[in-house]
């Protein structure tokens, strides 16, 4: 995985969290990096880094709200 793409992707996801959840940047970074979806994103074999930041945000948001990213309607067939 290209490191630039990964950092850029994470930056976009964090910006979405800040905008949509009204968290400050530090809180958004903490919330993302402490999620299971961030752990899955780091696994280059899964290929999540190829997905849209909006889709990854939706998976993160499902985990944030329910504790399980698999509750996202977008999860089916991804992992």
Protein backbone atom coordinates (compact mmCIF):
# COMPACT_ATOMS: atom_id res chain seq x y z
CA UNK A 1 0.00 0.00 0.00
CA UNK A 2 1.24 3.43 -0.86
CA UNK A 3 1.93 5.36 2.37
CA UNK A 4 0.89 8.66 0.80
CA UNK A 5 -2.47 7.22 -0.20
CA UNK A 6 -2.96 5.77 3.27
CA UNK A 7 -2.18 9.07 5.02
CA UNK A 8 -4.32 10.99 2.55
CA UNK A 9 -7.18 8.53 2.97
CA UNK A 10 -7.04 8.72 6.75
CA UNK A 11 -6.94 12.51 6.58
CA UNK A 12 -10.13 12.51 4.48
CA UNK A 13 -11.86 10.10 6.88
CA UNK A 14 -10.88 12.22 9.90
CA UNK A 15 -12.23 15.34 8.16
CA UNK A 16 -15.52 13.54 7.58
CA UNK A 17 -15.68 12.59 11.26
CA UNK A 18 -15.00 16.19 12.28
CA UNK A 19 -17.71 17.51 9.93
CA UNK A 20 -20.39 14.91 10.56
CA UNK A 21 -19.86 14.18 14.26
CA UNK A 22 -18.88 17.69 15.39
CA UNK A 23 -15.76 16.38 17.08
CA UNK A 24 -12.58 18.40 17.19
CA UNK A 25 -9.68 17.05 15.16
CA UNK A 26 -7.91 15.41 18.10
CA UNK A 27 -11.09 13.64 19.20
CA UNK A 28 -11.76 12.50 15.63
CA UNK A 29 -8.22 11.14 15.23
CA UNK A 30 -8.50 9.31 18.55
CA UNK A 31 -11.95 7.93 17.69
CA UNK A 32 -10.77 6.67 14.31
CA UNK A 33 -7.46 5.15 15.39
CA UNK A 34 -9.13 3.34 18.28
CA UNK A 35 -11.67 1.66 16.03
CA UNK A 36 -11.74 -1.82 14.59
CA UNK A 37 -12.20 -0.35 11.13
CA UNK A 38 -8.85 1.47 11.45
CA UNK A 39 -7.29 -1.85 12.38
CA UNK A 40 -8.86 -3.44 9.30
CA UNK A 41 -7.69 -0.54 7.12
CA UNK A 42 -4.11 -1.20 8.25
CA UNK A 43 -4.34 -4.79 6.97
CA UNK A 44 -3.10 -4.44 3.39
CA UNK A 45 -4.38 -7.92 2.54
CA UNK A 46 -7.99 -6.81 3.01
CA UNK A 47 -7.67 -3.96 0.52
CA UNK A 48 -9.92 -1.53 2.38
CA UNK A 49 -7.55 1.27 1.39
CA UNK A 50 -8.97 0.89 -2.13
CA UNK A 51 -12.44 1.96 -0.97
CA UNK A 52 -13.89 5.42 -0.94
CA UNK A 53 -13.23 7.47 2.22
CA UNK A 54 -17.01 7.97 2.42
CA UNK A 55 -17.61 4.22 2.51
CA UNK A 56 -14.92 3.74 5.15
CA UNK A 57 -16.48 6.59 7.14
CA UNK A 58 -19.86 4.82 6.97
CA UNK A 59 -18.31 1.61 8.28
CA UNK A 60 -16.58 3.60 11.05
CA UNK A 61 -19.83 5.41 11.87
CA UNK A 62 -21.71 2.13 12.27
CA UNK A 63 -19.01 0.98 14.68
CA UNK A 64 -19.10 4.34 16.51
CA UNK A 65 -22.87 4.16 16.94
CA UNK A 66 -23.38 0.44 17.58
CA UNK A 67 -19.96 -0.92 18.51
CA UNK A 68 -19.87 -3.14 15.42
CA UNK A 69 -18.96 -1.94 11.91
CA UNK A 70 -20.77 -4.98 10.52
CA UNK A 71 -24.02 -3.18 11.36
CA UNK A 72 -23.40 -0.83 8.43
CA UNK A 73 -25.69 -1.45 5.46
CA UNK A 74 -22.53 -1.18 3.34
CA UNK A 75 -20.74 -4.04 5.09
CA UNK A 76 -22.35 -6.91 3.18
CA UNK A 77 -19.75 -8.58 1.02
CA UNK A 78 -16.81 -6.32 1.91
CA UNK A 79 -14.84 -8.48 4.34
